């Protein structure tokens, strides 16, 4: 069974990374990454953290986001 990338935030809540393909208004297809509390999520498929991305946490609410690494 495939294990998704997971991270526990500062509040002790474990989140799993998912990805989904979305079509933008101009017709371009883009991959978005998001965290969910459950490993199985109907909005996307579990995935590993890409090499060019880092995880950030909002210090106020503990919400995790994925952003590109700065060169």
C-alpha atoms as a PDB file:
ATOM      1  CA  UNK A   1       0.000   0.000   0.000  1.00  0.00           C
ATOM      2  CA  UNK A   2       1.232   3.497  -0.895  1.00  0.00           C
ATOM      3  CA  UNK A   3       1.990   5.847   1.982  1.00  0.00           C
ATOM      4  CA  UNK A   4       1.463   9.570   1.457  1.00  0.00           C
ATOM      5  CA  UNK A   5       3.809  12.236   2.804  1.00  0.00           C
ATOM      6  CA  UNK A   6       2.578  13.207   6.249  1.00  0.00           C
ATOM      7  CA  UNK A   7       3.488  15.913   8.713  1.00  0.00           C
ATOM      8  CA  UNK A   8       2.313  16.750  12.202  1.00  0.00           C
ATOM      9  CA  UNK A   9       1.788  20.451  12.892  1.00  0.00           C
ATOM     10  CA  UNK A  10       2.684  22.312  16.095  1.00  0.00           C
ATOM     11  CA  UNK A  11      -0.780  21.570  17.526  1.00  0.00           C
ATOM     12  CA  UNK A  12      -0.171  17.817  17.226  1.00  0.00           C
ATOM     13  CA  UNK A  13      -2.558  17.216  14.299  1.00  0.00           C
ATOM     14  CA  UNK A  14      -1.304  14.880  11.552  1.00  0.00           C
ATOM     15  CA  UNK A  15      -1.957  15.876   7.923  1.00  0.00           C
ATOM     16  CA  UNK A  16      -1.438  13.947   4.666  1.00  0.00           C
ATOM     17  CA  UNK A  17      -0.289  15.527   1.387  1.00  0.00           C
ATOM     18  CA  UNK A  18      -2.500  15.142  -1.694  1.00  0.00           C
ATOM     19  CA  UNK A  19      -2.315  16.377  -5.261  1.00  0.00           C
ATOM     20  CA  UNK A  20      -4.965  17.148  -7.844  1.00  0.00           C
ATOM     21  CA  UNK A  21      -4.973  18.285 -11.472  1.00  0.00           C
ATOM     22  CA  UNK A  22      -7.066  21.405 -12.076  1.00  0.00           C
ATOM     23  CA  UNK A  23      -7.836  23.256 -15.301  1.00  0.00           C
ATOM     24  CA  UNK A  24      -7.359  27.011 -15.111  1.00  0.00           C
ATOM     25  CA  UNK A  25      -9.593  29.501 -16.930  1.00  0.00           C
ATOM     26  CA  UNK A  26      -7.149  29.762 -19.835  1.00  0.00           C
ATOM     27  CA  UNK A  27      -7.271  26.007 -20.357  1.00  0.00           C
ATOM     28  CA  UNK A  28      -3.866  25.319 -18.776  1.00  0.00           C
ATOM     29  CA  UNK A  29      -3.712  22.234 -16.535  1.00  0.00           C
ATOM     30  CA  UNK A  30      -1.915  22.731 -13.215  1.00  0.00           C
ATOM     31  CA  UNK A  31      -1.112  20.403 -10.317  1.00  0.00           C
ATOM     32  CA  UNK A  32      -2.146  21.681  -6.902  1.00  0.00           C
ATOM     33  CA  UNK A  33      -0.965  20.282  -3.560  1.00  0.00           C
ATOM     34  CA  UNK A  34      -3.000  20.333  -0.358  1.00  0.00           C
ATOM     35  CA  UNK A  35      -3.073  18.748   3.084  1.00  0.00           C
ATOM     36  CA  UNK A  36      -5.983  16.743   4.496  1.00  0.00           C
ATOM     37  CA  UNK A  37      -6.511  15.113   7.881  1.00  0.00           C
ATOM     38  CA  UNK A  38      -7.419  11.777   6.273  1.00  0.00           C
ATOM     39  CA  UNK A  39      -5.061   9.770   4.080  1.00  0.00           C
ATOM     40  CA  UNK A  40      -7.909   8.922   1.687  1.00  0.00           C
ATOM     41  CA  UNK A  41      -9.520  12.014   0.160  1.00  0.00           C
ATOM     42  CA  UNK A  42     -11.951  12.145  -2.776  1.00  0.00           C
ATOM     43  CA  UNK A  43     -10.604  15.525  -3.920  1.00  0.00           C
ATOM     44  CA  UNK A  44      -7.100  14.244  -4.691  1.00  0.00           C
ATOM     45  CA  UNK A  45      -4.656  11.376  -4.520  1.00  0.00           C
ATOM     46  CA  UNK A  46      -1.995  10.860  -1.834  1.00  0.00           C
ATOM     47  CA  UNK A  47       1.517  11.831  -2.944  1.00  0.00           C
ATOM     48  CA  UNK A  48       5.089  12.440  -1.836  1.00  0.00           C
ATOM     49  CA  UNK A  49       6.493  15.934  -1.304  1.00  0.00           C
ATOM     50  CA  UNK A  50       8.119  17.016  -4.605  1.00  0.00           C
ATOM     51  CA  UNK A  51      11.841  17.898  -4.531  1.00  0.00           C
ATOM     52  CA  UNK A  52      11.164  21.551  -5.474  1.00  0.00           C
ATOM     53  CA  UNK A  53       8.605  22.164  -2.687  1.00  0.00           C
ATOM     54  CA  UNK A  54       8.725  22.921   1.034  1.00  0.00           C
ATOM     55  CA  UNK A  55       6.069  22.782   3.749  1.00  0.00           C
ATOM     56  CA  UNK A  56       5.184  25.929   5.692  1.00  0.00           C
ATOM     57  CA  UNK A  57       2.964  26.235   8.748  1.00  0.00           C
ATOM     58  CA  UNK A  58       0.787  29.205   9.617  1.00  0.00           C
ATOM     59  CA  UNK A  59       1.826  30.060  13.203  1.00  0.00           C
ATOM     60  CA  UNK A  60      -1.654  31.325  14.147  1.00  0.00           C
ATOM     61  CA  UNK A  61      -3.787  28.347  13.152  1.00  0.00           C
ATOM     62  CA  UNK A  62      -1.285  25.538  12.439  1.00  0.00           C
ATOM     63  CA  UNK A  63      -2.497  25.153   8.848  1.00  0.00           C
ATOM     64  CA  UNK A  64       0.082  23.533   6.542  1.00  0.00           C
ATOM     65  CA  UNK A  65       0.753  24.747   2.984  1.00  0.00           C
ATOM     66  CA  UNK A  66       3.127  23.679   0.218  1.00  0.00           C
ATOM     67  CA  UNK A  67       5.190  26.282  -1.622  1.00  0.00           C
ATOM     68  CA  UNK A  68       8.056  26.346  -4.087  1.00  0.00           C
ATOM     69  CA  UNK A  69      11.628  26.461  -2.787  1.00  0.00           C
ATOM     70  CA  UNK A  70      13.331  29.779  -3.325  1.00  0.00           C
ATOM     71  CA  UNK A  71      16.556  29.494  -5.360  1.00  0.00           C
END
